[in-house]
Amino acid sequence: IFAGSGVGKSTLMGMIVRGSEAPIKVVALIGERGRE
């Protein structure tokens, strides 16, 4: 997922995690702001 800052990567990630049919979901938040 390629995008500049503030375009909506995190929102799309959330949509994919919520809507995915996968029984197990592993999310790695690397180097992001603590608030996020």
Full PDB file with SEQRES, HELIX, SHEET, SSBOND, CRYST1, ORIGX, SCALE, CONECT and MASTER records, all heavy atoms in Angstrom:
SEQRES   1 A   36  ILE PHE ALA GLY SER GLY VAL GLY LYS SER THR LEU MET          
SEQRES   2 A   36  GLY MET ILE VAL ARG GLY SER GLU ALA PRO ILE LYS VAL          
SEQRES   3 A   36  VAL ALA LEU ILE GLY GLU ARG GLY ARG GLU                      
HELIX    1 AA1 LYS A    9  GLY A   19  1                                  11    
CRYST1    1.000    1.000    1.000  90.00  90.00  90.00 P 1           1          
ORIGX1      1.000000  0.000000  0.000000        0.00000                         
ORIGX2      0.000000  1.000000  0.000000        0.00000                         
ORIGX3      0.000000  0.000000  1.000000        0.00000                         
SCALE1      1.000000  0.000000  0.000000        0.00000                         
SCALE2      0.000000  1.000000  0.000000        0.00000                         
SCALE3      0.000000  0.000000  1.000000        0.00000                         
ATOM      1  N   ILE A   1       0.873  -1.172   0.000  1.00  0.00           N  
ATOM      2  CA  ILE A   1       0.000   0.000   0.000  1.00  0.00           C  
ATOM      3  C   ILE A   1       0.914   1.226   0.000  1.00  0.00           C  
ATOM      4  O   ILE A   1       1.593   1.517   0.984  1.00  0.00           O  
ATOM      5  CB  ILE A   1      -0.944   0.019   1.221  1.00  0.00           C  
ATOM      6  CG1 ILE A   1      -1.835  -1.233   1.226  1.00  0.00           C  
ATOM      7  CG2 ILE A   1      -1.795   1.269   1.219  1.00  0.00           C  
ATOM      8  CD1 ILE A   1      -2.688  -1.384   2.472  1.00  0.00           C  
ATOM      9  N   PHE A   2       0.965   1.941  -1.117  1.00  0.00           N  
ATOM     10  CA  PHE A   2       1.886   3.056  -1.306  1.00  0.00           C  
ATOM     11  C   PHE A   2       1.122   4.373  -1.196  1.00  0.00           C  
ATOM     12  O   PHE A   2       0.111   4.574  -1.881  1.00  0.00           O  
ATOM     13  CB  PHE A   2       2.566   2.976  -2.682  1.00  0.00           C  
ATOM     14  CG  PHE A   2       3.440   1.764  -2.856  1.00  0.00           C  
ATOM     15  CD1 PHE A   2       2.891   0.515  -3.115  1.00  0.00           C  
ATOM     16  CD2 PHE A   2       4.811   1.866  -2.760  1.00  0.00           C  
ATOM     17  CE1 PHE A   2       3.697  -0.601  -3.271  1.00  0.00           C  
ATOM     18  CE2 PHE A   2       5.628   0.762  -2.926  1.00  0.00           C  
ATOM     19  CZ  PHE A   2       5.068  -0.480  -3.168  1.00  0.00           C  
ATOM     20  N   ALA A   3       1.621   5.248  -0.332  1.00  0.00           N  
ATOM     21  CA  ALA A   3       0.934   6.529  -0.155  1.00  0.00           C  
ATOM     22  C   ALA A   3       1.836   7.530   0.543  1.00  0.00           C  
ATOM     23  O   ALA A   3       2.780   7.160   1.251  1.00  0.00           O  
ATOM     24  CB  ALA A   3      -0.347   6.345   0.657  1.00  0.00           C  
ATOM     25  N   GLY A   4       1.535   8.820   0.327  1.00  0.00           N  
ATOM     26  CA  GLY A   4       2.211   9.875   1.061  1.00  0.00           C  
ATOM     27  C   GLY A   4       1.632   9.977   2.468  1.00  0.00           C  
ATOM     28  O   GLY A   4       0.722   9.239   2.850  1.00  0.00           O  
ATOM     29  N   SER A   5       2.151  10.903   3.251  1.00  0.00           N  
ATOM     30  CA  SER A   5       1.678  11.053   4.623  1.00  0.00           C  
ATOM     31  C   SER A   5       0.289  11.688   4.662  1.00  0.00           C  
ATOM     32  O   SER A   5      -0.008  12.619   3.912  1.00  0.00           O  
ATOM     33  CB  SER A   5       2.663  11.927   5.416  1.00  0.00           C  
ATOM     34  OG  SER A   5       2.848  13.177   4.767  1.00  0.00           O  
ATOM     35  N   GLY A   6      -0.566  11.163   5.513  1.00  0.00           N  
ATOM     36  CA  GLY A   6      -1.887  11.735   5.717  1.00  0.00           C  
ATOM     37  C   GLY A   6      -2.907  11.474   4.632  1.00  0.00           C  
ATOM     38  O   GLY A   6      -3.941  12.147   4.558  1.00  0.00           O  
ATOM     39  N   VAL A   7      -2.649  10.490   3.769  1.00  0.00           N  
ATOM     40  CA  VAL A   7      -3.567  10.203   2.665  1.00  0.00           C  
ATOM     41  C   VAL A   7      -4.636   9.186   3.077  1.00  0.00           C  
ATOM     42  O   VAL A   7      -5.724   9.156   2.516  1.00  0.00           O  
ATOM     43  CB  VAL A   7      -2.798   9.710   1.414  1.00  0.00           C  
ATOM     44  CG1 VAL A   7      -3.747   9.398   0.264  1.00  0.00           C  
ATOM     45  CG2 VAL A   7      -1.807  10.763   0.960  1.00  0.00           C  
ATOM     46  N   GLY A   8      -4.318   8.344   4.064  1.00  0.00           N  
ATOM     47  CA  GLY A   8      -5.331   7.387   4.527  1.00  0.00           C  
ATOM     48  C   GLY A   8      -4.875   5.945   4.608  1.00  0.00           C  
ATOM     49  O   GLY A   8      -5.695   5.036   4.493  1.00  0.00           O  
ATOM     50  N   LYS A   9      -3.574   5.715   4.810  1.00  0.00           N  
ATOM     51  CA  LYS A   9      -3.067   4.341   4.898  1.00  0.00           C  
ATOM     52  C   LYS A   9      -3.658   3.612   6.107  1.00  0.00           C  
ATOM     53  O   LYS A   9      -4.118   2.477   6.013  1.00  0.00           O  
ATOM     54  CB  LYS A   9      -1.536   4.339   5.012  1.00  0.00           C  
ATOM     55  CG  LYS A   9      -0.790   4.825   3.804  1.00  0.00           C  
ATOM     56  CD  LYS A   9       0.700   4.554   3.907  1.00  0.00           C  
ATOM     57  CE  LYS A   9       1.314   5.249   5.117  1.00  0.00           C  
ATOM     58  NZ  LYS A   9       1.209   6.727   5.115  1.00  0.00           N  
ATOM     59  N   SER A  10      -3.635   4.291   7.274  1.00  0.00           N  
ATOM     60  CA  SER A  10      -4.112   3.653   8.506  1.00  0.00           C  
ATOM     61  C   SER A  10      -5.598   3.320   8.425  1.00  0.00           C  
ATOM     62  O   SER A  10      -6.045   2.266   8.893  1.00  0.00           O  
ATOM     63  CB  SER A  10      -3.834   4.549   9.721  1.00  0.00           C  
ATOM     64  OG  SER A  10      -2.442   4.734   9.898  1.00  0.00           O  
ATOM     65  N   THR A  11      -6.370   4.230   7.821  1.00  0.00           N  
ATOM     66  CA  THR A  11      -7.810   3.983   7.670  1.00  0.00           C  
ATOM     67  C   THR A  11      -8.060   2.760   6.794  1.00  0.00           C  
ATOM     68  O   THR A  11      -8.887   1.904   7.122  1.00  0.00           O  
ATOM     69  CB  THR A  11      -8.505   5.222   7.067  1.00  0.00           C  
ATOM     70  OG1 THR A  11      -8.209   6.365   7.862  1.00  0.00           O  
ATOM     71  CG2 THR A  11     -10.011   5.018   7.004  1.00  0.00           C  
ATOM     72  N   LEU A  12      -7.343   2.672   5.665  1.00  0.00           N  
ATOM     73  CA  LEU A  12      -7.484   1.520   4.777  1.00  0.00           C  
ATOM     74  C   LEU A  12      -7.032   0.239   5.473  1.00  0.00           C  
ATOM     75  O   LEU A  12      -7.665  -0.812   5.314  1.00  0.00           O  
ATOM     76  CB  LEU A  12      -6.691   1.739   3.490  1.00  0.00           C  
ATOM     77  CG  LEU A  12      -6.771   0.615   2.439  1.00  0.00           C  
ATOM     78  CD1 LEU A  12      -8.213   0.376   1.992  1.00  0.00           C  
ATOM     79  CD2 LEU A  12      -5.889   0.922   1.223  1.00  0.00           C  
ATOM     80  N   MET A  13      -5.951   0.314   6.258  1.00  0.00           N  
ATOM     81  CA  MET A  13      -5.507  -0.853   7.024  1.00  0.00           C  
ATOM     82  C   MET A  13      -6.602  -1.357   7.946  1.00  0.00           C  
ATOM     83  O   MET A  13      -6.881  -2.561   8.009  1.00  0.00           O  
ATOM     84  CB  MET A  13      -4.270  -0.499   7.863  1.00  0.00           C  
ATOM     85  CG  MET A  13      -2.972  -0.459   7.111  1.00  0.00           C  
ATOM     86  SD  MET A  13      -1.636   0.109   8.197  1.00  0.00           S  
ATOM     87  CE  MET A  13      -1.651  -1.188   9.464  1.00  0.00           C  
ATOM     88  N   GLY A  14      -7.251  -0.420   8.658  1.00  0.00           N  
ATOM     89  CA  GLY A  14      -8.342  -0.792   9.556  1.00  0.00           C  
ATOM     90  C   GLY A  14      -9.496  -1.438   8.819  1.00  0.00           C  
ATOM     91  O   GLY A  14     -10.087  -2.424   9.301  1.00  0.00           O  
ATOM     92  N   MET A  15      -9.832  -0.914   7.628  1.00  0.00           N  
ATOM     93  CA  MET A  15     -10.913  -1.483   6.817  1.00  0.00           C  
ATOM     94  C   MET A  15     -10.590  -2.914   6.406  1.00  0.00           C  
ATOM     95  O   MET A  15     -11.452  -3.802   6.448  1.00  0.00           O  
ATOM     96  CB  MET A  15     -11.149  -0.618   5.579  1.00  0.00           C  
ATOM     97  CG  MET A  15     -11.744   0.751   5.871  1.00  0.00           C  
ATOM     98  SD  MET A  15     -11.813   1.829   4.410  1.00  0.00           S  
ATOM     99  CE  MET A  15     -13.123   1.024   3.454  1.00  0.00           C  
ATOM    100  N   ILE A  16      -9.322  -3.152   6.014  1.00  0.00           N  
ATOM    101  CA  ILE A  16      -8.912  -4.494   5.581  1.00  0.00           C  
ATOM    102  C   ILE A  16      -8.925  -5.471   6.752  1.00  0.00           C  
ATOM    103  O   ILE A  16      -9.407  -6.604   6.634  1.00  0.00           O  
ATOM    104  CB  ILE A  16      -7.511  -4.443   4.920  1.00  0.00           C  
ATOM    105  CG1 ILE A  16      -7.585  -3.675   3.600  1.00  0.00           C  
ATOM    106  CG2 ILE A  16      -6.977  -5.851   4.676  1.00  0.00           C  
ATOM    107  CD1 ILE A  16      -6.224  -3.389   2.973  1.00  0.00           C  
ATOM    108  N   VAL A  17      -8.418  -5.030   7.910  1.00  0.00           N  
ATOM    109  CA  VAL A  17      -8.391  -5.910   9.092  1.00  0.00           C  
ATOM    110  C   VAL A  17      -9.815  -6.267   9.523  1.00  0.00           C  
ATOM    111  O   VAL A  17     -10.115  -7.427   9.827  1.00  0.00           O  
ATOM    112  CB  VAL A  17      -7.614  -5.250  10.255  1.00  0.00           C  
ATOM    113  CG1 VAL A  17      -7.735  -6.090  11.528  1.00  0.00           C  
ATOM    114  CG2 VAL A  17      -6.141  -5.087   9.895  1.00  0.00           C  
ATOM    115  N   ARG A  18     -10.720  -5.278   9.530  1.00  0.00           N  
ATOM    116  CA  ARG A  18     -12.108  -5.532   9.951  1.00  0.00           C  
ATOM    117  C   ARG A  18     -12.859  -6.402   8.956  1.00  0.00           C  
ATOM    118  O   ARG A  18     -13.633  -7.282   9.321  1.00  0.00           O  
ATOM    119  CB  ARG A  18     -12.860  -4.210  10.154  1.00  0.00           C  
ATOM    120  CG  ARG A  18     -12.561  -3.507  11.443  1.00  0.00           C  
ATOM    121  CD  ARG A  18     -13.640  -2.487  11.765  1.00  0.00           C  
ATOM    122  NE  ARG A  18     -13.959  -1.650  10.620  1.00  0.00           N  
ATOM    123  CZ  ARG A  18     -13.281  -0.534  10.274  1.00  0.00           C  
ATOM    124  NH1 ARG A  18     -12.274  -0.143  11.013  1.00  0.00           N  
ATOM    125  NH2 ARG A  18     -13.622   0.178   9.219  1.00  0.00           N  
ATOM    126  N   GLY A  19     -12.648  -6.119   7.657  1.00  0.00           N  
ATOM    127  CA  GLY A  19     -13.428  -6.812   6.639  1.00  0.00           C  
ATOM    128  C   GLY A  19     -12.856  -8.128   6.171  1.00  0.00           C  
ATOM    129  O   GLY A  19     -13.522  -8.882   5.448  1.00  0.00           O  
ATOM    130  N   SER A  20     -11.618  -8.430   6.554  1.00  0.00           N  
ATOM    131  CA  SER A  20     -10.954  -9.636   6.077  1.00  0.00           C  
ATOM    132  C   SER A  20     -11.629 -10.910   6.600  1.00  0.00           C  
ATOM    133  O   SER A  20     -12.126 -10.948   7.718  1.00  0.00           O  
ATOM    134  CB  SER A  20      -9.486  -9.613   6.497  1.00  0.00           C  
ATOM    135  OG  SER A  20      -8.918 -10.876   6.419  1.00  0.00           O  
ATOM    136  N   GLU A  21     -11.599 -11.950   5.783  1.00  0.00           N  
ATOM    137  CA  GLU A  21     -12.177 -13.238   6.173  1.00  0.00           C  
ATOM    138  C   GLU A  21     -11.180 -14.106   6.947  1.00  0.00           C  
ATOM    139  O   GLU A  21     -11.535 -15.185   7.419  1.00  0.00           O  
ATOM    140  CB  GLU A  21     -12.613 -13.996   4.926  1.00  0.00           C  
ATOM    141  CG  GLU A  21     -11.454 -14.271   3.962  1.00  0.00           C  
ATOM    142  CD  GLU A  21     -11.826 -15.098   2.769  1.00  0.00           C  
ATOM    143  OE1 GLU A  21     -12.997 -15.421   2.604  1.00  0.00           O  
ATOM    144  OE2 GLU A  21     -10.936 -15.458   1.994  1.00  0.00           O  
ATOM    145  N   ALA A  22      -9.926 -13.639   7.094  1.00  0.00           N  
ATOM    146  CA  ALA A  22      -8.885 -14.431   7.749  1.00  0.00           C  
ATOM    147  C   ALA A  22      -9.233 -14.669   9.215  1.00  0.00           C  
ATOM    148  O   ALA A  22      -9.610 -13.741   9.931  1.00  0.00           O  
ATOM    149  CB  ALA A  22      -7.531 -13.740   7.639  1.00  0.00           C  
ATOM    150  N   PRO A  23      -9.084 -15.915   9.699  1.00  0.00           N  
ATOM    151  CA  PRO A  23      -9.399 -16.201  11.108  1.00  0.00           C  
ATOM    152  C   PRO A  23      -8.373 -15.642  12.092  1.00  0.00           C  
ATOM    153  O   PRO A  23      -8.684 -15.436  13.255  1.00  0.00           O  
ATOM    154  CB  PRO A  23      -9.412 -17.730  11.157  1.00  0.00           C  
ATOM    155  CG  PRO A  23      -8.562 -18.164  10.000  1.00  0.00           C  
ATOM    156  CD  PRO A  23      -8.714 -17.128   8.948  1.00  0.00           C  
ATOM    157  N   ILE A  24      -7.138 -15.373  11.617  1.00  0.00           N  
ATOM    158  CA  ILE A  24      -6.082 -14.812  12.468  1.00  0.00           C  
ATOM    159  C   ILE A  24      -5.515 -13.563  11.802  1.00  0.00           C  
ATOM    160  O   ILE A  24      -5.245 -13.561  10.602  1.00  0.00           O  
ATOM    161  CB  ILE A  24      -4.941 -15.833  12.716  1.00  0.00           C  
ATOM    162  CG1 ILE A  24      -5.476 -17.121  13.342  1.00  0.00           C  
ATOM    163  CG2 ILE A  24      -3.848 -15.210  13.596  1.00  0.00           C  
ATOM    164  CD1 ILE A  24      -5.980 -16.991  14.754  1.00  0.00           C  
ATOM    165  N   LYS A  25      -5.339 -12.513  12.608  1.00  0.00           N  
ATOM    166  CA  LYS A  25      -4.804 -11.253  12.072  1.00  0.00           C  
ATOM    167  C   LYS A  25      -3.620 -10.799  12.924  1.00  0.00           C  
ATOM    168  O   LYS A  25      -3.741 -10.691  14.151  1.00  0.00           O  
ATOM    169  CB  LYS A  25      -5.896 -10.181  12.062  1.00  0.00           C  
ATOM    170  CG  LYS A  25      -7.068 -10.572  11.154  1.00  0.00           C  
ATOM    171  CD  LYS A  25      -8.363  -9.973  11.551  1.00  0.00           C  
ATOM    172  CE  LYS A  25      -9.515 -10.519  10.728  1.00  0.00           C  
ATOM    173  NZ  LYS A  25     -10.824  -9.989  11.154  1.00  0.00           N  
ATOM    174  N   VAL A  26      -2.498 -10.545  12.281  1.00  0.00           N  
ATOM    175  CA  VAL A  26      -1.292 -10.075  12.964  1.00  0.00           C  
ATOM    176  C   VAL A  26      -0.946  -8.698  12.400  1.00  0.00           C  
ATOM    177  O   VAL A  26      -0.753  -8.541  11.198  1.00  0.00           O  
ATOM    178  CB  VAL A  26      -0.112 -11.048  12.771  1.00  0.00           C  
ATOM    179  CG1 VAL A  26       1.141 -10.518  13.460  1.00  0.00           C  
ATOM    180  CG2 VAL A  26      -0.468 -12.439  13.307  1.00  0.00           C  
ATOM    181  N   VAL A  27      -0.883  -7.700  13.287  1.00  0.00           N  
ATOM    182  CA  VAL A  27      -0.614  -6.321  12.872  1.00  0.00           C  
ATOM    183  C   VAL A  27       0.703  -5.869  13.495  1.00  0.00           C  
ATOM    184  O   VAL A  27       0.888  -5.963  14.712  1.00  0.00           O  
ATOM    185  CB  VAL A  27      -1.762  -5.374  13.297  1.00  0.00           C  
ATOM    186  CG1 VAL A  27      -1.476  -3.952  12.829  1.00  0.00           C  
ATOM    187  CG2 VAL A  27      -3.100  -5.851  12.729  1.00  0.00           C  
ATOM    188  N   ALA A  28       1.611  -5.379  12.674  1.00  0.00           N  
ATOM    189  CA  ALA A  28       2.891  -4.846  13.150  1.00  0.00           C  
ATOM    190  C   ALA A  28       2.902  -3.333  12.943  1.00  0.00           C  
ATOM    191  O   ALA A  28       2.818  -2.859  11.805  1.00  0.00           O  
ATOM    192  CB  ALA A  28       4.057  -5.493  12.401  1.00  0.00           C  
ATOM    193  N   LEU A  29       2.982  -2.573  14.033  1.00  0.00           N  
ATOM    194  CA  LEU A  29       3.069  -1.111  13.962  1.00  0.00           C  
ATOM    195  C   LEU A  29       4.512  -0.728  14.280  1.00  0.00           C  
ATOM    196  O   LEU A  29       4.933  -0.709  15.432  1.00  0.00           O  
ATOM    197  CB  LEU A  29       2.088  -0.466  14.948  1.00  0.00           C  
ATOM    198  CG  LEU A  29       0.598  -0.824  14.731  1.00  0.00           C  
ATOM    199  CD1 LEU A  29      -0.265  -0.203  15.814  1.00  0.00           C  
ATOM    200  CD2 LEU A  29       0.115  -0.397  13.348  1.00  0.00           C  
ATOM    201  N   ILE A  30       5.272  -0.444  13.243  1.00  0.00           N  
ATOM    202  CA  ILE A  30       6.720  -0.256  13.353  1.00  0.00           C  
ATOM    203  C   ILE A  30       7.104   1.196  13.099  1.00  0.00           C  
ATOM    204  O   ILE A  30       6.842   1.745  12.019  1.00  0.00           O  
ATOM    205  CB  ILE A  30       7.480  -1.165  12.359  1.00  0.00           C  
ATOM    206  CG1 ILE A  30       7.033  -2.630  12.506  1.00  0.00           C  
ATOM    207  CG2 ILE A  30       8.985  -1.025  12.545  1.00  0.00           C  
ATOM    208  CD1 ILE A  30       7.292  -3.231  13.869  1.00  0.00           C  
ATOM    209  N   GLY A  31       7.723   1.814  14.093  1.00  0.00           N  
ATOM    210  CA  GLY A  31       8.258   3.161  13.927  1.00  0.00           C  
ATOM    211  C   GLY A  31       7.235   4.264  13.856  1.00  0.00           C  
ATOM    212  O   GLY A  31       7.568   5.394  13.477  1.00  0.00           O  
ATOM    213  N   GLU A  32       5.985   3.967  14.215  1.00  0.00           N  
ATOM    214  CA  GLU A  32       4.950   4.986  14.162  1.00  0.00           C  
ATOM    215  C   GLU A  32       4.908   5.775  15.471  1.00  0.00           C  
ATOM    216  O   GLU A  32       5.512   5.414  16.465  1.00  0.00           O  
ATOM    217  CB  GLU A  32       3.585   4.338  13.890  1.00  0.00           C  
ATOM    218  CG  GLU A  32       3.511   3.580  12.558  1.00  0.00           C  
ATOM    219  CD  GLU A  32       3.784   4.464  11.345  1.00  0.00           C  
ATOM    220  OE1 GLU A  32       3.241   5.581  11.287  1.00  0.00           O  
ATOM    221  OE2 GLU A  32       4.548   4.057  10.454  1.00  0.00           O  
ATOM    222  N   ARG A  33       4.153   6.870  15.440  1.00  0.00           N  
ATOM    223  CA  ARG A  33       3.989   7.679  16.646  1.00  0.00           C  
ATOM    224  C   ARG A  33       3.224   6.904  17.706  1.00  0.00           C  
ATOM    225  O   ARG A  33       2.285   6.161  17.394  1.00  0.00           O  
ATOM    226  CB  ARG A  33       3.251   8.985  16.310  1.00  0.00           C  
ATOM    227  CG  ARG A  33       4.026   9.910  15.402  1.00  0.00           C  
ATOM    228  CD  ARG A  33       3.223  11.141  15.043  1.00  0.00           C  
ATOM    229  NE  ARG A  33       2.153  10.848  14.118  1.00  0.00           N  
ATOM    230  CZ  ARG A  33       2.271  10.826  12.782  1.00  0.00           C  
ATOM    231  NH1 ARG A  33       3.443  11.072  12.238  1.00  0.00           N  
ATOM    232  NH2 ARG A  33       1.234  10.559  12.015  1.00  0.00           N  
ATOM    233  N   GLY A  34       3.613   7.105  18.985  1.00  0.00           N  
ATOM    234  CA  GLY A  34       2.967   6.389  20.083  1.00  0.00           C  
ATOM    235  C   GLY A  34       1.476   6.641  20.140  1.00  0.00           C  
ATOM    236  O   GLY A  34       0.686   5.748  20.484  1.00  0.00           O  
ATOM    237  N   ARG A  35       1.057   7.858  19.794  1.00  0.00           N  
ATOM    238  CA  ARG A  35      -0.358   8.225  19.821  1.00  0.00           C  
ATOM    239  C   ARG A  35      -1.184   7.382  18.850  1.00  0.00           C  
ATOM    240  O   ARG A  35      -2.381   7.150  19.084  1.00  0.00           O  
ATOM    241  CB  ARG A  35      -0.475   9.714  19.496  1.00  0.00           C  
ATOM    242  CG  ARG A  35      -1.603  10.231  18.913  1.00  0.00           C  
ATOM    243  CD  ARG A  35      -1.617  11.660  18.527  1.00  0.00           C  
ATOM    244  NE  ARG A  35      -1.024  11.909  17.245  1.00  0.00           N  
ATOM    245  CZ  ARG A  35      -1.628  11.688  16.073  1.00  0.00           C  
ATOM    246  NH1 ARG A  35      -2.843  11.184  16.051  1.00  0.00           N  
ATOM    247  NH2 ARG A  35      -1.022  11.976  14.934  1.00  0.00           N  
ATOM    248  N   GLU A  36      -0.550   6.929  17.765  1.00  0.00           N  
ATOM    249  CA  GLU A  36      -1.273   6.217  16.729  1.00  0.00           C  
ATOM    250  C   GLU A  36      -1.690   4.802  17.144  1.00  0.00           C  
ATOM    251  O   GLU A  36      -2.592   4.235  16.544  1.00  0.00           O  
ATOM    252  CB  GLU A  36      -0.429   6.148  15.455  1.00  0.00           C  
ATOM    253  CG  GLU A  36      -0.255   7.498  14.757  1.00  0.00           C  
ATOM    254  CD  GLU A  36       0.521   7.400  13.471  1.00  0.00           C  
ATOM    255  OE1 GLU A  36       1.377   6.523  13.370  1.00  0.00           O  
ATOM    256  OE2 GLU A  36       0.266   8.195  12.555  1.00  0.00           O  
TER     257      GLU A  36                                                      
MASTER        0    0    0    1    0    0    0    6  256    1    0    3          
END                                                                             
